[in-house]
Amino acid sequence: MATKKLPDGLVPAGSSLEFTEDTIPAALQKEHALGTGHWGVLHVFAGEVCFVDLVTGAESTVAAPDHVIIQPEAPHRLRVTGSVRCRIDFFRRLDDKATMRTPGSFAEEEVKRSFARCEAAGDFAETFYTTFMNASPAIAPFFAQTEFGRQRQLLRDSVYLMVTHDVSDPDMRALLDKLGGLHSRAGRNIAPKLYELWLDSICATVKQLDPEWTQTLEDHWRVRLRAGMQIIMAAY
């Protein structure tokens, strides 16, 4: 069963690969359901896919840049109707078990040290925006009225918080929820697909500035930041 909004208090629990009409798994096109306490957000970045709710029999076309939120234990399937790029982000309820950590928490110290090396080597925010603004012609219009001195500081502070604070931290979650609202369709209307360009540009910045960059380090940056991105994107 689909709904419009994730319940409060859920935390990221990973994500799928990005699928196309050629790579979307057969299992997703057959009846299946998420487990107890687990939710999904199907993001469509390009094209469209049909979401079939097998509880009600309702079928809905999810076209870019829209998404659909999937409830636990609700049988459903996807039907590919043409060209599509999509991904499923997963969420779960946070319990009080000390062993239950959110994705990317294992990489906190490593990524924190990398961020410090980047700042020692150059201007992180300046390097990022040079890369990001060239990543797509769709980006520049969002910054037409931007005062970049302040924006660079906001970017630096936001990345630092995402590196050093887990998404389950109440203050961090409040910040991410606020950013989600500001960037949602009702706010600045930042399409979810642009967050992938944002993350790619962050990683390109790290590769340029961190003298100890490796592909494994980049992978750890990605998993560390993706959890926060999932929360912001789900608010779209």
C-alpha atoms as a PDB file:
ATOM      1  CA  MET A   1       0.000   0.000   0.000  1.00  0.00           C
ATOM      2  CA  ALA A   2       1.297   3.460  -0.852  1.00  0.00           C
ATOM      3  CA  THR A   3       1.011   6.649   1.145  1.00  0.00           C
ATOM      4  CA  LYS A   4       2.077  10.279   0.657  1.00  0.00           C
ATOM      5  CA  LYS A   5       4.402  10.746   3.636  1.00  0.00           C
ATOM      6  CA  LEU A   6       6.771   8.707   5.749  1.00  0.00           C
ATOM      7  CA  PRO A   7       5.814   8.438   9.430  1.00  0.00           C
ATOM      8  CA  ASP A   8       7.900  10.470  11.863  1.00  0.00           C
ATOM      9  CA  GLY A   9      10.869   8.797  13.490  1.00  0.00           C
ATOM     10  CA  LEU A  10      11.968   6.491  10.685  1.00  0.00           C
ATOM     11  CA  VAL A  11      15.668   6.257   9.866  1.00  0.00           C
ATOM     12  CA  PRO A  12      17.406   5.201   6.627  1.00  0.00           C
ATOM     13  CA  ALA A  13      18.160   1.509   6.233  1.00  0.00           C
ATOM     14  CA  GLY A  14      20.019   1.447   2.920  1.00  0.00           C
ATOM     15  CA  SER A  15      19.002   1.728  -0.709  1.00  0.00           C
ATOM     16  CA  SER A  16      18.894  -0.284  -3.896  1.00  0.00           C
ATOM     17  CA  LEU A  17      21.005   0.225  -6.959  1.00  0.00           C
ATOM     18  CA  GLU A  18      19.678   2.635  -9.573  1.00  0.00           C
ATOM     19  CA  PHE A  19      17.630   0.612 -12.055  1.00  0.00           C
ATOM     20  CA  THR A  20      16.645   1.142 -15.667  1.00  0.00           C
ATOM     21  CA  GLU A  21      13.981  -0.622 -17.708  1.00  0.00           C
ATOM     22  CA  ASP A  22      16.660  -3.165 -18.651  1.00  0.00           C
ATOM     23  CA  THR A  23      18.068  -3.814 -15.171  1.00  0.00           C
ATOM     24  CA  ILE A  24      15.073  -3.621 -12.840  1.00  0.00           C
ATOM     25  CA  PRO A  25      14.943  -7.032 -11.097  1.00  0.00           C
ATOM     26  CA  ALA A  26      12.223  -9.509 -12.053  1.00  0.00           C
ATOM     27  CA  ALA A  27      11.464  -9.910  -8.325  1.00  0.00           C
ATOM     28  CA  LEU A  28      10.258  -6.297  -8.153  1.00  0.00           C
ATOM     29  CA  GLN A  29       7.879  -6.950 -11.033  1.00  0.00           C
ATOM     30  CA  LYS A  30       6.258  -9.836  -9.170  1.00  0.00           C
ATOM     31  CA  GLU A  31       4.227  -9.768  -5.953  1.00  0.00           C
ATOM     32  CA  HIS A  32       6.399  -8.896  -2.957  1.00  0.00           C
ATOM     33  CA  ALA A  33       6.235  -6.927   0.279  1.00  0.00           C
ATOM     34  CA  LEU A  34       8.565  -5.179   2.690  1.00  0.00           C
ATOM     35  CA  GLY A  35       9.137  -6.676   6.126  1.00  0.00           C
ATOM     36  CA  THR A  36       7.565  -5.605   9.398  1.00  0.00           C
ATOM     37  CA  GLY A  37       8.669  -2.110  10.391  1.00  0.00           C
ATOM     38  CA  HIS A  38      10.347  -1.429   7.042  1.00  0.00           C
ATOM     39  CA  TRP A  39       9.235   1.237   4.564  1.00  0.00           C
ATOM     40  CA  GLY A  40      10.326   2.051   1.039  1.00  0.00           C
ATOM     41  CA  VAL A  41      10.495   5.187  -1.096  1.00  0.00           C
ATOM     42  CA  LEU A  42      10.496   4.488  -4.829  1.00  0.00           C
ATOM     43  CA  HIS A  43      12.117   7.485  -6.553  1.00  0.00           C
ATOM     44  CA  VAL A  44      11.672   7.877 -10.297  1.00  0.00           C
ATOM     45  CA  PHE A  45      14.476  10.017 -11.713  1.00  0.00           C
ATOM     46  CA  ALA A  46      13.546   9.721 -15.394  1.00  0.00           C
ATOM     47  CA  GLY A  47      10.651   8.201 -17.309  1.00  0.00           C
ATOM     48  CA  GLU A  48       7.886   6.413 -15.431  1.00  0.00           C
ATOM     49  CA  VAL A  49       6.919   3.122 -13.816  1.00  0.00           C
ATOM     50  CA  CYS A  50       3.546   1.675 -12.822  1.00  0.00           C
ATOM     51  CA  PHE A  51       3.081   0.900  -9.127  1.00  0.00           C
ATOM     52  CA  VAL A  52       0.473  -1.813  -8.547  1.00  0.00           C
ATOM     53  CA  ASP A  53      -1.080  -1.949  -5.064  1.00  0.00           C
ATOM     54  CA  LEU A  54      -2.130  -5.582  -4.679  1.00  0.00           C
ATOM     55  CA  VAL A  55      -4.168  -4.830  -1.537  1.00  0.00           C
ATOM     56  CA  THR A  56      -6.608  -2.488  -3.296  1.00  0.00           C
ATOM     57  CA  GLY A  57      -5.888  -3.401  -6.912  1.00  0.00           C
ATOM     58  CA  ALA A  58      -5.145   0.240  -7.674  1.00  0.00           C
ATOM     59  CA  GLU A  59      -2.532   1.066 -10.295  1.00  0.00           C
ATOM     60  CA  SER A  60      -0.723   4.391 -10.413  1.00  0.00           C
ATOM     61  CA  THR A  61       1.830   5.796 -12.810  1.00  0.00           C
ATOM     62  CA  VAL A  62       4.826   7.264 -11.002  1.00  0.00           C
ATOM     63  CA  ALA A  63       6.556   9.676 -13.376  1.00  0.00           C
ATOM     64  CA  ALA A  64       9.769  11.648 -12.783  1.00  0.00           C
ATOM     65  CA  PRO A  65      10.379  13.501 -10.537  1.00  0.00           C
ATOM     66  CA  ASP A  66       7.698  11.904  -8.339  1.00  0.00           C
ATOM     67  CA  HIS A  67       8.046   9.118  -5.807  1.00  0.00           C
ATOM     68  CA  VAL A  68       5.774   6.693  -4.010  1.00  0.00           C
ATOM     69  CA  ILE A  69       6.069   5.613  -0.367  1.00  0.00           C
ATOM     70  CA  ILE A  70       5.502   1.930   0.343  1.00  0.00           C
ATOM     71  CA  GLN A  71       4.219   0.655   3.668  1.00  0.00           C
ATOM     72  CA  PRO A  72       5.426  -2.467   5.511  1.00  0.00           C
ATOM     73  CA  GLU A  73       3.936  -5.884   4.704  1.00  0.00           C
ATOM     74  CA  ALA A  74       1.785  -4.486   1.873  1.00  0.00           C
ATOM     75  CA  PRO A  75       1.863  -6.705  -1.256  1.00  0.00           C
ATOM     76  CA  HIS A  76       2.691  -4.761  -4.400  1.00  0.00           C
ATOM     77  CA  ARG A  77       4.628  -4.989  -7.642  1.00  0.00           C
ATOM     78  CA  LEU A  78       6.082  -2.724 -10.292  1.00  0.00           C
ATOM     79  CA  ARG A  79       5.278  -2.776 -13.987  1.00  0.00           C
ATOM     80  CA  VAL A  80       7.718  -1.240 -16.432  1.00  0.00           C
ATOM     81  CA  THR A  81       5.920   0.780 -19.088  1.00  0.00           C
ATOM     82  CA  GLY A  82       8.888   2.268 -20.948  1.00  0.00           C
ATOM     83  CA  SER A  83      12.167   4.017 -20.343  1.00  0.00           C
ATOM     84  CA  VAL A  84      12.862   4.610 -16.647  1.00  0.00           C
ATOM     85  CA  ARG A  85      15.566   5.348 -14.101  1.00  0.00           C
ATOM     86  CA  CYS A  86      14.562   4.637 -10.515  1.00  0.00           C
ATOM     87  CA  ARG A  87      15.847   3.654  -7.064  1.00  0.00           C
ATOM     88  CA  ILE A  88      14.293   2.442  -3.838  1.00  0.00           C
ATOM     89  CA  ASP A  89      15.405   3.937  -0.521  1.00  0.00           C
ATOM     90  CA  PHE A  90      14.612   1.905   2.585  1.00  0.00           C
ATOM     91  CA  PHE A  91      13.666   3.128   6.055  1.00  0.00           C
ATOM     92  CA  ARG A  92      12.967   1.434   9.373  1.00  0.00           C
ATOM     93  CA  ARG A  93      11.877   2.278  12.864  1.00  0.00           C
ATOM     94  CA  LEU A  94      14.759   3.041  15.221  1.00  0.00           C
ATOM     95  CA  ASP A  95      14.825   0.844  18.299  1.00  0.00           C
ATOM     96  CA  ASP A  96      16.918   1.193  21.440  1.00  0.00           C
ATOM     97  CA  LYS A  97      19.362  -1.610  20.674  1.00  0.00           C
ATOM     98  CA  ALA A  98      22.895  -0.317  20.922  1.00  0.00           C
ATOM     99  CA  THR A  99      23.940  -2.635  18.109  1.00  0.00           C
ATOM    100  CA  MET A 100      21.478  -1.135  15.602  1.00  0.00           C
ATOM    101  CA  ARG A 101      23.349   1.541  13.660  1.00  0.00           C
ATOM    102  CA  THR A 102      22.318   3.524  10.631  1.00  0.00           C
ATOM    103  CA  PRO A 103      24.086   3.099   7.262  1.00  0.00           C
ATOM    104  CA  GLY A 104      27.366   4.954   7.110  1.00  0.00           C
ATOM    105  CA  SER A 105      27.879   5.157  10.851  1.00  0.00           C
ATOM    106  CA  PHE A 106      30.872   2.818  10.550  1.00  0.00           C
ATOM    107  CA  ALA A 107      32.642   5.376   8.343  1.00  0.00           C
ATOM    108  CA  GLU A 108      32.230   8.410  10.605  1.00  0.00           C
ATOM    109  CA  GLU A 109      35.799   8.696  11.894  1.00  0.00           C
ATOM    110  CA  GLU A 110      37.405   7.932   8.534  1.00  0.00           C
ATOM    111  CA  VAL A 111      35.287  10.472   6.662  1.00  0.00           C
ATOM    112  CA  LYS A 112      35.740  13.048   9.411  1.00  0.00           C
ATOM    113  CA  ARG A 113      39.527  12.784   9.046  1.00  0.00           C
ATOM    114  CA  SER A 114      39.191  13.038   5.269  1.00  0.00           C
ATOM    115  CA  PHE A 115      37.109  16.204   5.581  1.00  0.00           C
ATOM    116  CA  ALA A 116      39.773  17.745   7.811  1.00  0.00           C
ATOM    117  CA  ARG A 117      42.461  16.938   5.221  1.00  0.00           C
ATOM    118  CA  CYS A 118      40.331  18.486   2.489  1.00  0.00           C
ATOM    119  CA  GLU A 119      39.930  21.709   4.441  1.00  0.00           C
ATOM    120  CA  ALA A 120      43.664  21.819   5.122  1.00  0.00           C
ATOM    121  CA  ALA A 121      44.393  21.416   1.398  1.00  0.00           C
ATOM    122  CA  GLY A 122      42.027  24.032   0.014  1.00  0.00           C
ATOM    123  CA  ASP A 123      38.605  25.677   0.069  1.00  0.00           C
ATOM    124  CA  PHE A 124      36.137  22.769   0.203  1.00  0.00           C
ATOM    125  CA  ALA A 125      33.024  24.802  -0.612  1.00  0.00           C
ATOM    126  CA  GLU A 126      34.656  26.807  -3.409  1.00  0.00           C
ATOM    127  CA  THR A 127      35.994  23.635  -5.030  1.00  0.00           C
ATOM    128  CA  PHE A 128      32.618  21.955  -4.660  1.00  0.00           C
ATOM    129  CA  TYR A 129      30.625  24.746  -6.296  1.00  0.00           C
ATOM    130  CA  THR A 130      33.031  24.976  -9.222  1.00  0.00           C
ATOM    131  CA  THR A 131      32.371  21.292  -9.869  1.00  0.00           C
ATOM    132  CA  PHE A 132      28.664  21.301  -9.057  1.00  0.00           C
ATOM    133  CA  MET A 133      27.754  24.269 -11.225  1.00  0.00           C
ATOM    134  CA  ASN A 134      29.344  22.528 -14.218  1.00  0.00           C
ATOM    135  CA  ALA A 135      27.614  19.206 -13.549  1.00  0.00           C
ATOM    136  CA  SER A 136      24.340  20.107 -15.311  1.00  0.00           C
ATOM    137  CA  PRO A 137      22.716  23.171 -16.911  1.00  0.00           C
ATOM    138  CA  ALA A 138      19.734  22.508 -14.641  1.00  0.00           C
ATOM    139  CA  ILE A 139      21.702  23.616 -11.567  1.00  0.00           C
ATOM    140  CA  ALA A 140      22.654  27.246 -12.278  1.00  0.00           C
ATOM    141  CA  PRO A 141      19.067  28.644 -12.279  1.00  0.00           C
ATOM    142  CA  PHE A 142      18.624  27.593  -8.643  1.00  0.00           C
ATOM    143  CA  PHE A 143      21.498  29.883  -7.688  1.00  0.00           C
ATOM    144  CA  ALA A 144      20.581  32.915  -9.794  1.00  0.00           C
ATOM    145  CA  GLN A 145      19.877  35.093  -6.735  1.00  0.00           C
ATOM    146  CA  THR A 146      22.412  33.468  -4.421  1.00  0.00           C
ATOM    147  CA  GLU A 147      24.961  35.362  -2.340  1.00  0.00           C
ATOM    148  CA  PHE A 148      27.770  32.836  -2.637  1.00  0.00           C
ATOM    149  CA  GLY A 149      29.818  33.969   0.353  1.00  0.00           C
ATOM    150  CA  ARG A 150      27.021  32.908   2.661  1.00  0.00           C
ATOM    151  CA  GLN A 151      26.110  29.891   0.523  1.00  0.00           C
ATOM    152  CA  ARG A 152      29.633  28.504   0.673  1.00  0.00           C
ATOM    153  CA  GLN A 153      29.610  28.727   4.458  1.00  0.00           C
ATOM    154  CA  LEU A 154      26.214  26.998   4.609  1.00  0.00           C
ATOM    155  CA  LEU A 155      27.481  24.213   2.350  1.00  0.00           C
ATOM    156  CA  ARG A 156      30.619  23.711   4.417  1.00  0.00           C
ATOM    157  CA  ASP A 157      28.653  23.616   7.687  1.00  0.00           C
ATOM    158  CA  SER A 158      26.006  21.260   6.281  1.00  0.00           C
ATOM    159  CA  VAL A 159      28.580  18.777   4.991  1.00  0.00           C
ATOM    160  CA  TYR A 160      30.464  18.936   8.287  1.00  0.00           C
ATOM    161  CA  LEU A 161      27.296  18.116  10.226  1.00  0.00           C
ATOM    162  CA  MET A 162      26.423  15.233   7.890  1.00  0.00           C
ATOM    163  CA  VAL A 163      29.944  13.872   8.317  1.00  0.00           C
ATOM    164  CA  THR A 164      30.100  14.196  12.107  1.00  0.00           C
ATOM    165  CA  HIS A 165      26.500  13.489  13.220  1.00  0.00           C
ATOM    166  CA  ASP A 166      24.397  10.394  12.727  1.00  0.00           C
ATOM    167  CA  VAL A 167      20.959  10.860  11.184  1.00  0.00           C
ATOM    168  CA  SER A 168      19.390   9.290  14.291  1.00  0.00           C
ATOM    169  CA  ASP A 169      20.657  12.194  16.437  1.00  0.00           C
ATOM    170  CA  PRO A 170      17.551  14.301  17.256  1.00  0.00           C
ATOM    171  CA  ASP A 171      19.196  17.640  16.415  1.00  0.00           C
ATOM    172  CA  MET A 172      20.604  16.292  13.169  1.00  0.00           C
ATOM    173  CA  ARG A 173      17.255  14.812  12.225  1.00  0.00           C
ATOM    174  CA  ALA A 174      15.529  18.133  12.897  1.00  0.00           C
ATOM    175  CA  LEU A 175      18.005  19.876  10.571  1.00  0.00           C
ATOM    176  CA  LEU A 176      17.495  17.282   7.817  1.00  0.00           C
ATOM    177  CA  ASP A 177      13.712  17.518   8.122  1.00  0.00           C
ATOM    178  CA  LYS A 178      13.983  21.313   7.837  1.00  0.00           C
ATOM    179  CA  LEU A 179      16.189  21.019   4.758  1.00  0.00           C
ATOM    180  CA  GLY A 180      13.739  18.523   3.284  1.00  0.00           C
ATOM    181  CA  GLY A 181      10.911  21.021   3.652  1.00  0.00           C
ATOM    182  CA  LEU A 182      12.947  23.900   2.231  1.00  0.00           C
ATOM    183  CA  HIS A 183      13.994  21.870  -0.814  1.00  0.00           C
ATOM    184  CA  SER A 184      10.680  20.090  -1.394  1.00  0.00           C
ATOM    185  CA  ARG A 185       8.209  20.682  -4.208  1.00  0.00           C
ATOM    186  CA  ALA A 186       6.484  23.241  -1.981  1.00  0.00           C
ATOM    187  CA  GLY A 187       9.799  25.005  -1.330  1.00  0.00           C
ATOM    188  CA  ARG A 188      12.674  25.386  -3.780  1.00  0.00           C
ATOM    189  CA  ASN A 189      11.475  22.402  -5.840  1.00  0.00           C
ATOM    190  CA  ILE A 190      14.826  20.611  -5.998  1.00  0.00           C
ATOM    191  CA  ALA A 191      14.185  17.462  -8.040  1.00  0.00           C
ATOM    192  CA  PRO A 192      15.527  14.314  -6.316  1.00  0.00           C
ATOM    193  CA  LYS A 193      17.785  13.398  -9.260  1.00  0.00           C
ATOM    194  CA  LEU A 194      19.867  16.524  -8.579  1.00  0.00           C
ATOM    195  CA  TYR A 195      20.977  15.117  -5.232  1.00  0.00           C
ATOM    196  CA  GLU A 196      22.939  12.441  -7.053  1.00  0.00           C
ATOM    197  CA  LEU A 197      24.825  15.207  -8.890  1.00  0.00           C
ATOM    198  CA  TRP A 198      25.365  16.886  -5.513  1.00  0.00           C
ATOM    199  CA  LEU A 199      26.880  13.707  -4.084  1.00  0.00           C
ATOM    200  CA  ASP A 200      28.996  13.123  -7.205  1.00  0.00           C
ATOM    201  CA  SER A 201      30.331  16.680  -6.887  1.00  0.00           C
ATOM    202  CA  ILE A 202      31.118  16.226  -3.186  1.00  0.00           C
ATOM    203  CA  CYS A 203      33.106  13.095  -4.034  1.00  0.00           C
ATOM    204  CA  ALA A 204      34.898  14.849  -6.899  1.00  0.00           C
ATOM    205  CA  THR A 205      35.852  17.596  -4.436  1.00  0.00           C
ATOM    206  CA  VAL A 206      37.239  15.047  -1.984  1.00  0.00           C
ATOM    207  CA  LYS A 207      39.209  13.361  -4.767  1.00  0.00           C
ATOM    208  CA  GLN A 208      40.744  16.702  -5.710  1.00  0.00           C
ATOM    209  CA  LEU A 209      41.592  17.875  -2.186  1.00  0.00           C
ATOM    210  CA  ASP A 210      42.319  14.819  -0.055  1.00  0.00           C
ATOM    211  CA  PRO A 211      45.898  13.591  -0.649  1.00  0.00           C
ATOM    212  CA  GLU A 212      44.900  10.214   0.825  1.00  0.00           C
ATOM    213  CA  TRP A 213      41.951   9.638  -1.530  1.00  0.00           C
ATOM    214  CA  THR A 214      41.206   6.068  -2.565  1.00  0.00           C
ATOM    215  CA  GLN A 215      38.168   4.528  -4.232  1.00  0.00           C
ATOM    216  CA  THR A 216      37.306   2.855  -0.930  1.00  0.00           C
ATOM    217  CA  LEU A 217      37.395   6.232   0.809  1.00  0.00           C
ATOM    218  CA  GLU A 218      35.034   7.644  -1.820  1.00  0.00           C
ATOM    219  CA  ASP A 219      32.665   4.715  -1.264  1.00  0.00           C
ATOM    220  CA  HIS A 220      32.681   5.505   2.454  1.00  0.00           C
ATOM    221  CA  TRP A 221      31.917   9.174   1.792  1.00  0.00           C
ATOM    222  CA  ARG A 222      28.973   8.102  -0.341  1.00  0.00           C
ATOM    223  CA  VAL A 223      27.466   5.784   2.238  1.00  0.00           C
ATOM    224  CA  ARG A 224      28.068   8.323   5.009  1.00  0.00           C
ATOM    225  CA  LEU A 225      26.210  11.139   3.215  1.00  0.00           C
ATOM    226  CA  ARG A 226      23.525   9.092   1.494  1.00  0.00           C
ATOM    227  CA  ALA A 227      21.521   8.507   4.682  1.00  0.00           C
ATOM    228  CA  GLY A 228      20.956  12.241   5.130  1.00  0.00           C
ATOM    229  CA  MET A 229      20.162  12.609   1.430  1.00  0.00           C
ATOM    230  CA  GLN A 230      17.487   9.912   1.737  1.00  0.00           C
ATOM    231  CA  ILE A 231      15.658  11.914   4.410  1.00  0.00           C
ATOM    232  CA  ILE A 232      15.772  15.126   2.387  1.00  0.00           C
ATOM    233  CA  MET A 233      14.686  13.396  -0.830  1.00  0.00           C
ATOM    234  CA  ALA A 234      11.764  11.631   0.854  1.00  0.00           C
ATOM    235  CA  ALA A 235      10.291  15.035   1.744  1.00  0.00           C
ATOM    236  CA  TYR A 236       9.983  16.052  -1.912  1.00  0.00           C
END
